[in-house]
N, C-alpha and C. Protein backbone atom coordinates (compact mmCIF):
# COMPACT_ATOMS: atom_id res chain seq x y z
N MET A 1 0.85 -1.18 0.00
CA MET A 1 0.00 0.00 0.00
C MET A 1 0.89 1.23 0.00
N ASP A 2 0.56 2.19 -0.84
CA ASP A 2 1.31 3.43 -0.94
C ASP A 2 0.69 4.45 0.01
N LEU A 3 1.34 4.68 1.15
CA LEU A 3 0.79 5.58 2.17
C LEU A 3 0.71 7.03 1.69
N LYS A 4 1.66 7.44 0.85
CA LYS A 4 1.62 8.80 0.33
C LYS A 4 0.35 9.02 -0.50
N VAL A 5 0.02 8.06 -1.36
CA VAL A 5 -1.20 8.16 -2.16
C VAL A 5 -2.42 8.10 -1.25
N LEU A 6 -2.40 7.23 -0.25
CA LEU A 6 -3.51 7.11 0.69
C LEU A 6 -3.80 8.43 1.39
N PHE A 7 -2.77 9.03 1.97
CA PHE A 7 -2.98 10.27 2.72
C PHE A 7 -3.28 11.46 1.81
N THR A 8 -2.68 11.50 0.63
CA THR A 8 -2.97 12.57 -0.33
C THR A 8 -4.43 12.48 -0.78
N THR A 9 -4.88 11.27 -1.10
CA THR A 9 -6.26 11.08 -1.51
C THR A 9 -7.22 11.45 -0.39
N PHE A 10 -6.92 10.98 0.82
CA PHE A 10 -7.77 11.32 1.97
C PHE A 10 -7.87 12.83 2.14
N GLY A 11 -6.73 13.51 2.15
CA GLY A 11 -6.71 14.95 2.36
C GLY A 11 -7.48 15.71 1.30
N MET A 12 -7.27 15.36 0.04
CA MET A 12 -7.94 16.07 -1.05
C MET A 12 -9.45 15.83 -1.03
N ILE A 13 -9.87 14.58 -0.83
CA ILE A 13 -11.30 14.28 -0.81
C ILE A 13 -11.95 14.91 0.41
N PHE A 14 -11.28 14.84 1.55
CA PHE A 14 -11.83 15.45 2.76
C PHE A 14 -12.06 16.95 2.57
N LEU A 15 -11.07 17.65 2.04
CA LEU A 15 -11.21 19.08 1.82
C LEU A 15 -12.26 19.39 0.75
N ALA A 16 -12.32 18.57 -0.28
CA ALA A 16 -13.29 18.81 -1.36
C ALA A 16 -14.72 18.59 -0.87
N GLU A 17 -14.91 17.68 0.06
CA GLU A 17 -16.25 17.35 0.53
C GLU A 17 -16.77 18.30 1.61
N LEU A 18 -15.89 19.07 2.24
CA LEU A 18 -16.34 19.99 3.29
C LEU A 18 -17.26 21.05 2.70
N GLY A 19 -18.46 21.13 3.22
CA GLY A 19 -19.39 22.16 2.81
C GLY A 19 -20.03 21.94 1.45
N ASP A 20 -19.87 20.77 0.86
CA ASP A 20 -20.51 20.55 -0.44
C ASP A 20 -21.96 20.14 -0.25
N LYS A 21 -22.67 19.96 -1.35
CA LYS A 21 -24.10 19.65 -1.28
C LYS A 21 -24.37 18.34 -0.55
N THR A 22 -23.50 17.37 -0.70
CA THR A 22 -23.68 16.08 -0.03
C THR A 22 -23.60 16.24 1.48
N GLN A 23 -22.63 17.00 1.93
CA GLN A 23 -22.49 17.21 3.38
C GLN A 23 -23.69 18.01 3.91
N LEU A 24 -24.12 18.99 3.17
CA LEU A 24 -25.27 19.78 3.62
C LEU A 24 -26.55 18.93 3.65
N ALA A 25 -26.71 18.05 2.65
CA ALA A 25 -27.88 17.16 2.65
C ALA A 25 -27.83 16.22 3.85
N THR A 26 -26.65 15.68 4.14
CA THR A 26 -26.50 14.80 5.30
C THR A 26 -26.79 15.56 6.59
N PHE A 27 -26.32 16.79 6.67
CA PHE A 27 -26.58 17.66 7.82
C PHE A 27 -28.09 17.81 8.03
N LEU A 28 -28.80 18.09 6.94
CA LEU A 28 -30.24 18.29 7.05
C LEU A 28 -30.98 17.00 7.42
N PHE A 29 -30.55 15.87 6.82
CA PHE A 29 -31.16 14.58 7.20
C PHE A 29 -30.95 14.30 8.68
N ALA A 30 -29.74 14.56 9.18
CA ALA A 30 -29.44 14.31 10.59
C ALA A 30 -30.25 15.23 11.50
N ALA A 31 -30.43 16.46 11.07
CA ALA A 31 -31.20 17.40 11.88
C ALA A 31 -32.67 17.01 11.94
N ASP A 32 -33.16 16.36 10.89
CA ASP A 32 -34.58 16.01 10.79
C ASP A 32 -34.90 14.60 11.30
N SER A 33 -33.85 13.82 11.58
CA SER A 33 -34.07 12.41 11.93
C SER A 33 -33.74 12.15 13.39
N LYS A 34 -34.47 11.20 13.96
CA LYS A 34 -34.15 10.76 15.32
C LYS A 34 -33.09 9.66 15.30
N SER A 35 -32.89 9.05 14.15
CA SER A 35 -31.92 7.97 14.01
C SER A 35 -30.69 8.47 13.26
N ARG A 36 -29.83 9.16 13.97
CA ARG A 36 -28.64 9.73 13.35
C ARG A 36 -27.67 8.65 12.88
N ILE A 37 -27.66 7.52 13.54
CA ILE A 37 -26.78 6.43 13.09
C ILE A 37 -27.22 5.93 11.71
N SER A 38 -28.53 5.91 11.45
CA SER A 38 -29.01 5.51 10.12
C SER A 38 -28.59 6.52 9.06
N VAL A 39 -28.63 7.80 9.40
CA VAL A 39 -28.19 8.84 8.47
C VAL A 39 -26.69 8.68 8.21
N PHE A 40 -25.92 8.46 9.27
CA PHE A 40 -24.47 8.28 9.12
C PHE A 40 -24.16 7.07 8.24
N LEU A 41 -24.80 5.94 8.54
CA LEU A 41 -24.53 4.73 7.76
C LEU A 41 -24.97 4.88 6.31
N GLY A 42 -26.14 5.48 6.09
CA GLY A 42 -26.62 5.68 4.73
C GLY A 42 -25.71 6.58 3.92
N SER A 43 -25.31 7.70 4.50
CA SER A 43 -24.43 8.62 3.77
C SER A 43 -23.04 8.03 3.58
N SER A 44 -22.56 7.28 4.56
CA SER A 44 -21.25 6.63 4.44
C SER A 44 -21.26 5.57 3.33
N MET A 45 -22.31 4.76 3.31
CA MET A 45 -22.39 3.73 2.27
C MET A 45 -22.50 4.35 0.88
N ALA A 46 -23.24 5.45 0.77
CA ALA A 46 -23.36 6.12 -0.53
C ALA A 46 -22.01 6.67 -0.98
N LEU A 47 -21.25 7.27 -0.07
CA LEU A 47 -19.94 7.81 -0.43
C LEU A 47 -18.98 6.69 -0.81
N VAL A 48 -19.02 5.59 -0.06
CA VAL A 48 -18.16 4.45 -0.38
C VAL A 48 -18.51 3.87 -1.76
N LEU A 49 -19.79 3.73 -2.05
CA LEU A 49 -20.21 3.18 -3.34
C LEU A 49 -19.81 4.10 -4.49
N THR A 50 -20.02 5.41 -4.35
CA THR A 50 -19.64 6.32 -5.43
C THR A 50 -18.12 6.35 -5.61
N SER A 51 -17.38 6.22 -4.50
CA SER A 51 -15.92 6.16 -4.60
C SER A 51 -15.48 4.87 -5.30
N LEU A 52 -16.13 3.76 -4.97
CA LEU A 52 -15.81 2.49 -5.62
C LEU A 52 -16.05 2.59 -7.13
N LEU A 53 -17.20 3.16 -7.51
CA LEU A 53 -17.49 3.33 -8.93
C LEU A 53 -16.44 4.19 -9.62
N ALA A 54 -16.03 5.28 -8.96
CA ALA A 54 -15.01 6.16 -9.54
C ALA A 54 -13.68 5.44 -9.72
N VAL A 55 -13.28 4.64 -8.74
CA VAL A 55 -12.00 3.92 -8.83
C VAL A 55 -12.06 2.85 -9.92
N VAL A 56 -13.15 2.10 -9.97
CA VAL A 56 -13.28 1.04 -10.98
C VAL A 56 -13.34 1.65 -12.38
N LEU A 57 -14.19 2.65 -12.57
CA LEU A 57 -14.30 3.27 -13.90
C LEU A 57 -13.03 4.02 -14.28
N GLY A 58 -12.39 4.68 -13.33
CA GLY A 58 -11.13 5.37 -13.61
C GLY A 58 -10.04 4.40 -14.01
N GLY A 59 -9.95 3.27 -13.30
CA GLY A 59 -8.96 2.25 -13.64
C GLY A 59 -9.23 1.63 -15.00
N PHE A 60 -10.50 1.38 -15.28
CA PHE A 60 -10.90 0.81 -16.58
C PHE A 60 -10.60 1.78 -17.72
N LEU A 61 -10.99 3.04 -17.55
CA LEU A 61 -10.81 4.04 -18.59
C LEU A 61 -9.34 4.33 -18.85
N SER A 62 -8.53 4.32 -17.80
CA SER A 62 -7.11 4.67 -17.96
C SER A 62 -6.33 3.63 -18.75
N LYS A 63 -6.91 2.47 -18.97
CA LYS A 63 -6.24 1.46 -19.80
C LYS A 63 -6.27 1.84 -21.28
N TRP A 64 -7.27 2.65 -21.70
CA TRP A 64 -7.42 2.99 -23.11
C TRP A 64 -7.25 4.48 -23.40
N VAL A 65 -7.41 5.32 -22.39
CA VAL A 65 -7.33 6.77 -22.60
C VAL A 65 -6.18 7.31 -21.75
N PRO A 66 -5.28 8.08 -22.34
CA PRO A 66 -4.18 8.65 -21.55
C PRO A 66 -4.69 9.52 -20.40
N THR A 67 -4.00 9.47 -19.29
CA THR A 67 -4.40 10.21 -18.09
C THR A 67 -4.52 11.71 -18.35
N ALA A 68 -3.64 12.24 -19.19
CA ALA A 68 -3.70 13.67 -19.50
C ALA A 68 -5.04 14.05 -20.13
N TYR A 69 -5.57 13.19 -21.00
CA TYR A 69 -6.87 13.46 -21.63
C TYR A 69 -7.99 13.40 -20.60
N ILE A 70 -7.91 12.42 -19.70
CA ILE A 70 -8.94 12.29 -18.67
C ILE A 70 -8.95 13.54 -17.79
N LYS A 71 -7.77 14.02 -17.39
CA LYS A 71 -7.67 15.22 -16.57
C LYS A 71 -8.22 16.44 -17.31
N THR A 72 -7.90 16.55 -18.59
CA THR A 72 -8.37 17.69 -19.38
C THR A 72 -9.89 17.69 -19.50
N VAL A 73 -10.47 16.53 -19.79
CA VAL A 73 -11.93 16.43 -19.92
C VAL A 73 -12.60 16.70 -18.57
N ALA A 74 -12.04 16.15 -17.49
CA ALA A 74 -12.61 16.38 -16.15
C ALA A 74 -12.56 17.86 -15.80
N GLY A 75 -11.45 18.52 -16.10
CA GLY A 75 -11.33 19.96 -15.85
C GLY A 75 -12.33 20.76 -16.66
N ALA A 76 -12.51 20.39 -17.93
CA ALA A 76 -13.47 21.08 -18.78
C ALA A 76 -14.89 20.91 -18.26
N ILE A 77 -15.21 19.72 -17.79
CA ILE A 77 -16.55 19.47 -17.24
C ILE A 77 -16.78 20.33 -15.99
N PHE A 78 -15.77 20.42 -15.11
CA PHE A 78 -15.90 21.26 -13.92
C PHE A 78 -16.13 22.71 -14.30
N ILE A 79 -15.39 23.20 -15.30
CA ILE A 79 -15.55 24.59 -15.74
C ILE A 79 -16.94 24.81 -16.31
N MET A 80 -17.40 23.88 -17.15
CA MET A 80 -18.74 24.02 -17.74
C MET A 80 -19.83 24.00 -16.68
N LEU A 81 -19.71 23.10 -15.69
CA LEU A 81 -20.70 23.06 -14.62
C LEU A 81 -20.68 24.34 -13.79
N GLY A 82 -19.50 24.87 -13.53
CA GLY A 82 -19.39 26.12 -12.78
C GLY A 82 -20.03 27.27 -13.53
N LEU A 83 -19.77 27.34 -14.84
CA LEU A 83 -20.39 28.38 -15.65
C LEU A 83 -21.90 28.22 -15.69
N TRP A 84 -22.35 26.99 -15.82
CA TRP A 84 -23.78 26.72 -15.87
C TRP A 84 -24.44 27.19 -14.57
N MET A 85 -23.81 26.87 -13.42
CA MET A 85 -24.37 27.29 -12.14
C MET A 85 -24.39 28.82 -12.01
N LEU A 86 -23.38 29.49 -12.54
CA LEU A 86 -23.36 30.95 -12.47
C LEU A 86 -24.39 31.58 -13.39
N LEU A 87 -24.55 31.02 -14.58
CA LEU A 87 -25.44 31.62 -15.57
C LEU A 87 -26.90 31.27 -15.37
N PHE A 88 -27.17 30.09 -14.83
CA PHE A 88 -28.55 29.62 -14.71
C PHE A 88 -28.93 29.39 -13.25
N GLN A 89 -28.71 30.39 -12.41
CA GLN A 89 -29.03 30.27 -11.00
C GLN A 89 -30.54 30.21 -10.84
N SER A 90 -30.98 29.34 -9.95
CA SER A 90 -32.42 29.25 -9.69
C SER A 90 -32.86 30.47 -8.90
N GLY A 91 -34.07 30.88 -9.14
CA GLY A 91 -34.62 32.03 -8.43
C GLY A 91 -34.35 33.37 -9.10
N LYS A 92 -33.72 33.33 -10.27
CA LYS A 92 -33.46 34.60 -10.98
C LYS A 92 -34.17 34.61 -12.30
């Protein structure tokens, strides 16, 4: 196991997830529920499953597509989504 990759991945995902929509949704579910352990387990399982899908699909895709292309496309998608959110804000 590569500890440098482990801790780098942990740190980046942890920082990226702070204050995002998933965390806010989990916050609201916990505030509205009497069974906080169910909210914790449900949100944890969802994050683990989405992470598993990302690792499997990323590993599969990287066999045929160079990593530089994957990074470029991912960056372009993030930029497009950011622009979309800025241009098409709800309530305006």
